[in-house]
Amino acid sequence: MEAEKENECEFSAQLKELESDADQASWYIGFLKATVDNPDVCDRLNGSICGHAGVVARAGAKNSVILYCNRAWDEGHDVISLPKVMKILPGLEVLEARKRDRLDRALDAEDKQCLSSSLECLKAKYVAISACPERAAFRVLRSEWLAHRIIGSRDRVNAEKADLNVDGATYDDLLRFAEGTASLVGQLRYLWDQKVDPYPDKIEYATCIAREFWRLIPVLKDVEAGNY
């Protein structure tokens, strides 16, 4: 019983850290979603000098999203990540007990089926996202360009041995992978505390704000004349 309680405490603490990362990543993901293939961006930045700051911001958001994904999927033994949290995810009996305590009543068959189905859906989604072929490409970017500067990293060699394309990932691939990763964190919180996954809404909110930013800023080449 004591070991089980320690595991629950560790799981709860690590999930809280994953949520903190996902909260911050939601802003980067939203900014990137609003920037990629947005005609307003080129219209506002092209031909200007200070528009380089916008290009830097876009590159920074992309790198931050790549790093977020790699941190969330790190398989190191001493890290806080989705693989680590999934390994210590308490079983269905513990989840049922927590839900029973929150409802302050016995769970009926429907309650139990709902919780069981949510757990199975989470596990299936985890397996599907972890098997995403683009994951190897983001790992290579992290190893060769972001965390380190390496040519022909071990991650690249391993991916190529597995016949994975490490240079073909697109912005859409990155955004899909990142949104799925954040949503896994939200679904873990739902299982633990029955709180609705907030990340689709958080990312949509950040995207709307960023789109409005690009819509409202002026055409920079028109307003910077004579200042450089």
Protein backbone atom coordinates (compact mmCIF):
# COMPACT_ATOMS: atom_id res chain seq x y z
CA MET A 1 0.00 0.00 0.00
CA GLU A 2 2.80 2.43 0.85
CA ALA A 3 4.57 1.70 -2.44
CA GLU A 4 1.31 2.25 -4.30
CA LYS A 5 0.84 5.63 -2.63
CA GLU A 6 4.40 6.64 -3.48
CA ASN A 7 3.77 5.71 -7.10
CA GLU A 8 0.57 7.78 -7.13
CA CYS A 9 2.43 10.77 -5.70
CA GLU A 10 5.21 10.43 -8.24
CA PHE A 11 2.73 10.11 -11.09
CA SER A 12 0.80 13.19 -9.94
CA ALA A 13 3.95 15.28 -9.56
CA GLN A 14 5.32 14.28 -12.97
CA LEU A 15 1.98 14.87 -14.67
CA LYS A 16 1.94 18.39 -13.21
CA GLU A 17 5.35 19.05 -14.78
CA LEU A 18 4.17 17.71 -18.15
CA GLU A 19 1.19 20.05 -17.95
CA SER A 20 3.46 23.00 -17.29
CA ASP A 21 5.45 22.16 -20.44
CA ALA A 22 2.28 21.65 -22.48
CA ASP A 23 0.83 24.96 -21.28
CA GLN A 24 3.90 26.82 -22.56
CA ALA A 25 4.11 24.77 -25.74
CA SER A 26 0.50 25.63 -26.58
CA TRP A 27 1.56 29.23 -27.26
CA TYR A 28 4.39 28.17 -29.56
CA ILE A 29 2.17 25.68 -31.37
CA GLY A 30 -0.56 28.28 -31.82
CA PHE A 31 1.90 30.89 -33.10
CA LEU A 32 3.34 28.42 -35.59
CA LYS A 33 -0.12 27.31 -36.77
CA ALA A 34 -1.10 30.93 -37.38
CA THR A 35 2.13 31.70 -39.21
CA VAL A 36 2.63 28.77 -41.58
CA ASP A 37 0.95 29.35 -44.96
CA ASN A 38 -0.57 32.61 -43.74
CA PRO A 39 -0.52 35.14 -46.61
CA ASP A 40 -0.60 38.02 -44.12
CA VAL A 41 2.88 37.08 -42.93
CA CYS A 42 4.56 37.57 -46.30
CA ASP A 43 2.50 40.69 -46.96
CA ARG A 44 3.65 42.29 -43.69
CA LEU A 45 7.29 41.18 -43.72
CA ASN A 46 8.50 41.01 -47.33
CA GLY A 47 10.74 43.81 -48.48
CA SER A 48 11.32 45.16 -44.99
CA ILE A 49 14.37 45.27 -42.78
CA CYS A 50 12.72 44.97 -39.36
CA GLY A 51 10.64 42.11 -40.75
CA HIS A 52 13.65 39.90 -40.03
CA ALA A 53 12.46 39.96 -36.41
CA GLY A 54 9.29 38.16 -37.52
CA VAL A 55 11.33 35.54 -39.32
CA VAL A 56 13.41 35.01 -36.18
CA ALA A 57 10.21 34.67 -34.12
CA ARG A 58 8.87 32.01 -36.49
CA ALA A 59 12.14 30.07 -36.38
CA GLY A 60 12.20 30.32 -32.60
CA ALA A 61 8.65 29.00 -32.33
CA LYS A 62 9.48 26.08 -34.63
CA ASN A 63 12.56 25.17 -32.62
CA SER A 64 10.60 25.44 -29.37
CA VAL A 65 7.91 23.08 -30.67
CA ILE A 66 10.54 20.58 -31.83
CA LEU A 67 12.23 20.71 -28.44
CA TYR A 68 8.90 20.34 -26.67
CA CYS A 69 8.10 17.18 -28.62
CA ASN A 70 11.50 15.68 -27.94
CA ARG A 71 11.35 16.48 -24.23
CA ALA A 72 7.88 15.01 -23.97
CA TRP A 73 8.98 11.77 -25.67
CA ASP A 74 12.41 11.41 -24.08
CA GLU A 75 12.94 7.81 -22.98
CA GLY A 76 15.76 8.47 -20.52
CA HIS A 77 15.38 6.80 -17.13
CA ASP A 78 15.79 9.99 -15.11
CA VAL A 79 13.60 12.38 -17.10
CA ILE A 80 10.01 13.54 -16.84
CA SER A 81 8.29 12.49 -20.04
CA LEU A 82 5.27 10.73 -21.47
CA PRO A 83 7.04 7.34 -21.70
CA LYS A 84 8.07 7.63 -18.05
CA VAL A 85 4.61 8.73 -16.89
CA MET A 86 2.89 5.99 -18.88
CA LYS A 87 5.08 3.42 -17.15
CA ILE A 88 3.92 4.57 -13.72
CA LEU A 89 0.30 5.29 -14.68
CA PRO A 90 -1.78 3.76 -11.87
CA GLY A 91 -4.11 0.93 -12.80
CA LEU A 92 -7.84 1.00 -13.37
CA GLU A 93 -8.66 0.14 -9.74
CA VAL A 94 -6.82 3.24 -8.50
CA LEU A 95 -8.48 5.41 -11.16
CA GLU A 96 -11.89 4.06 -10.15
CA ALA A 97 -11.19 4.75 -6.49
CA ARG A 98 -10.24 8.36 -7.26
CA LYS A 99 -13.37 8.87 -9.32
CA ARG A 100 -15.47 7.29 -6.57
CA ASP A 101 -13.95 9.69 -4.03
CA ARG A 102 -14.69 12.69 -6.25
CA LEU A 103 -18.28 11.65 -6.88
CA ASP A 104 -18.71 10.63 -3.24
CA ARG A 105 -20.73 7.60 -4.26
CA ALA A 106 -20.29 4.09 -5.59
CA LEU A 107 -19.56 3.81 -9.31
CA ASP A 108 -22.21 2.17 -11.43
CA ALA A 109 -21.52 0.03 -14.50
CA GLU A 110 -21.68 3.04 -16.82
CA ASP A 111 -19.14 4.97 -14.74
CA LYS A 112 -16.73 2.06 -14.80
CA GLN A 113 -17.17 1.45 -18.53
CA CYS A 114 -16.57 5.11 -19.30
CA LEU A 115 -13.36 5.16 -17.29
CA SER A 116 -12.16 1.87 -18.77
CA SER A 117 -12.87 3.08 -22.31
CA SER A 118 -11.03 6.35 -21.67
CA LEU A 119 -8.00 4.44 -20.40
CA GLU A 120 -7.96 2.15 -23.44
CA CYS A 121 -8.35 5.11 -25.80
CA LEU A 122 -5.45 6.88 -24.12
CA LYS A 123 -3.22 3.82 -24.44
CA ALA A 124 -4.16 3.37 -28.10
CA LYS A 125 -3.48 7.03 -28.88
CA TYR A 126 -0.16 6.86 -27.03
CA VAL A 127 0.93 3.87 -29.12
CA ALA A 128 -0.18 5.53 -32.35
CA ILE A 129 1.62 8.81 -31.70
CA SER A 130 4.76 7.12 -30.38
CA ALA A 131 4.92 5.15 -33.66
CA CYS A 132 4.66 8.33 -35.77
CA PRO A 133 7.43 7.96 -38.42
CA GLU A 134 8.19 11.70 -38.30
CA ARG A 135 9.21 11.36 -34.67
CA ALA A 136 12.64 10.19 -35.81
CA ALA A 137 13.06 13.30 -37.95
CA PHE A 138 12.33 15.61 -35.02
CA ARG A 139 14.78 13.64 -32.89
CA VAL A 140 17.48 14.14 -35.53
CA LEU A 141 16.77 17.87 -35.70
CA ARG A 142 17.09 18.04 -31.94
CA SER A 143 20.37 16.10 -31.91
CA GLU A 144 22.06 17.74 -34.88
CA TRP A 145 20.84 21.34 -34.72
CA LEU A 146 19.20 22.29 -31.43
CA ALA A 147 20.58 20.54 -28.35
CA HIS A 148 23.90 19.85 -30.10
CA ARG A 149 25.65 20.55 -33.40
CA ILE A 150 26.45 17.16 -34.90
CA ILE A 151 26.78 15.86 -38.43
CA GLY A 152 25.57 12.29 -38.90
CA SER A 153 24.27 11.80 -35.36
CA ARG A 154 23.53 8.42 -33.84
CA ASP A 155 19.83 9.30 -34.06
CA ARG A 156 20.20 9.77 -37.83
CA VAL A 157 22.07 6.50 -38.21
CA ASN A 158 19.47 4.59 -36.19
CA ALA A 159 16.61 6.14 -38.15
CA GLU A 160 18.19 5.35 -41.48
CA LYS A 161 18.83 1.77 -40.38
CA ALA A 162 15.11 1.55 -39.65
CA ASP A 163 14.44 2.95 -43.15
CA LEU A 164 12.84 6.12 -41.76
CA ASN A 165 12.95 9.38 -43.70
CA VAL A 166 14.66 11.87 -41.41
CA ASP A 167 14.62 14.83 -43.78
CA GLY A 168 11.07 14.79 -45.08
CA ALA A 169 9.03 16.03 -42.11
CA THR A 170 6.84 19.06 -42.82
CA TYR A 171 5.37 21.84 -40.69
CA ASP A 172 2.06 20.01 -40.83
CA ASP A 173 3.73 16.84 -39.52
CA LEU A 174 5.30 18.78 -36.67
CA LEU A 175 2.08 20.53 -35.70
CA ARG A 176 0.06 17.32 -35.83
CA PHE A 177 2.63 15.52 -33.68
CA ALA A 178 2.87 18.41 -31.20
CA GLU A 179 -0.89 18.80 -30.83
CA GLY A 180 -1.28 15.07 -30.29
CA THR A 181 1.48 15.12 -27.70
CA ALA A 182 -0.10 17.95 -25.71
CA SER A 183 -3.50 16.29 -25.92
CA LEU A 184 -2.09 13.09 -24.41
CA VAL A 185 -1.12 15.13 -21.37
CA GLY A 186 -4.65 16.52 -21.18
CA GLN A 187 -6.16 13.06 -21.44
CA LEU A 188 -3.94 11.81 -18.64
CA ARG A 189 -5.30 14.61 -16.45
CA TYR A 190 -8.83 13.58 -17.42
CA LEU A 191 -8.17 10.04 -16.24
CA TRP A 192 -6.60 11.26 -13.02
CA ASP A 193 -9.00 14.05 -12.07
CA GLN A 194 -11.85 13.91 -14.62
CA LYS A 195 -10.90 17.34 -15.95
CA VAL A 196 -11.54 17.87 -19.66
CA ASP A 197 -8.46 17.95 -21.91
CA PRO A 198 -7.80 21.72 -22.23
CA TYR A 199 -5.15 21.68 -24.93
CA PRO A 200 -7.27 21.75 -28.10
CA ASP A 201 -8.93 24.92 -26.78
CA LYS A 202 -5.66 26.40 -25.50
CA ILE A 203 -3.96 25.88 -28.86
CA GLU A 204 -6.95 27.26 -30.76
CA TYR A 205 -6.95 30.34 -28.52
CA ALA A 206 -3.23 30.90 -29.08
CA THR A 207 -3.71 30.43 -32.82
CA CYS A 208 -6.52 33.00 -32.95
CA ILE A 209 -4.43 35.53 -31.04
CA ALA A 210 -1.45 35.02 -33.34
CA ARG A 211 -3.61 35.30 -36.47
CA GLU A 212 -4.98 38.58 -35.15
CA PHE A 213 -1.43 39.77 -34.51
CA TRP A 214 -0.45 39.15 -38.13
CA ARG A 215 -3.65 40.80 -39.34
CA LEU A 216 -3.16 43.96 -37.30
CA ILE A 217 0.51 44.75 -37.83
CA PRO A 218 1.17 47.11 -40.75
CA VAL A 219 3.06 46.40 -43.94
CA LEU A 220 6.45 47.02 -42.43
CA LYS A 221 8.24 48.26 -45.53
CA ASP A 222 5.70 51.08 -45.76
CA VAL A 223 6.22 52.34 -42.23
CA GLU A 224 9.95 51.88 -41.85
CA ALA A 225 10.95 54.12 -44.78
CA GLY A 226 13.69 56.56 -43.80
CA ASN A 227 14.41 54.86 -40.49
CA TYR A 228 17.34 52.76 -41.74
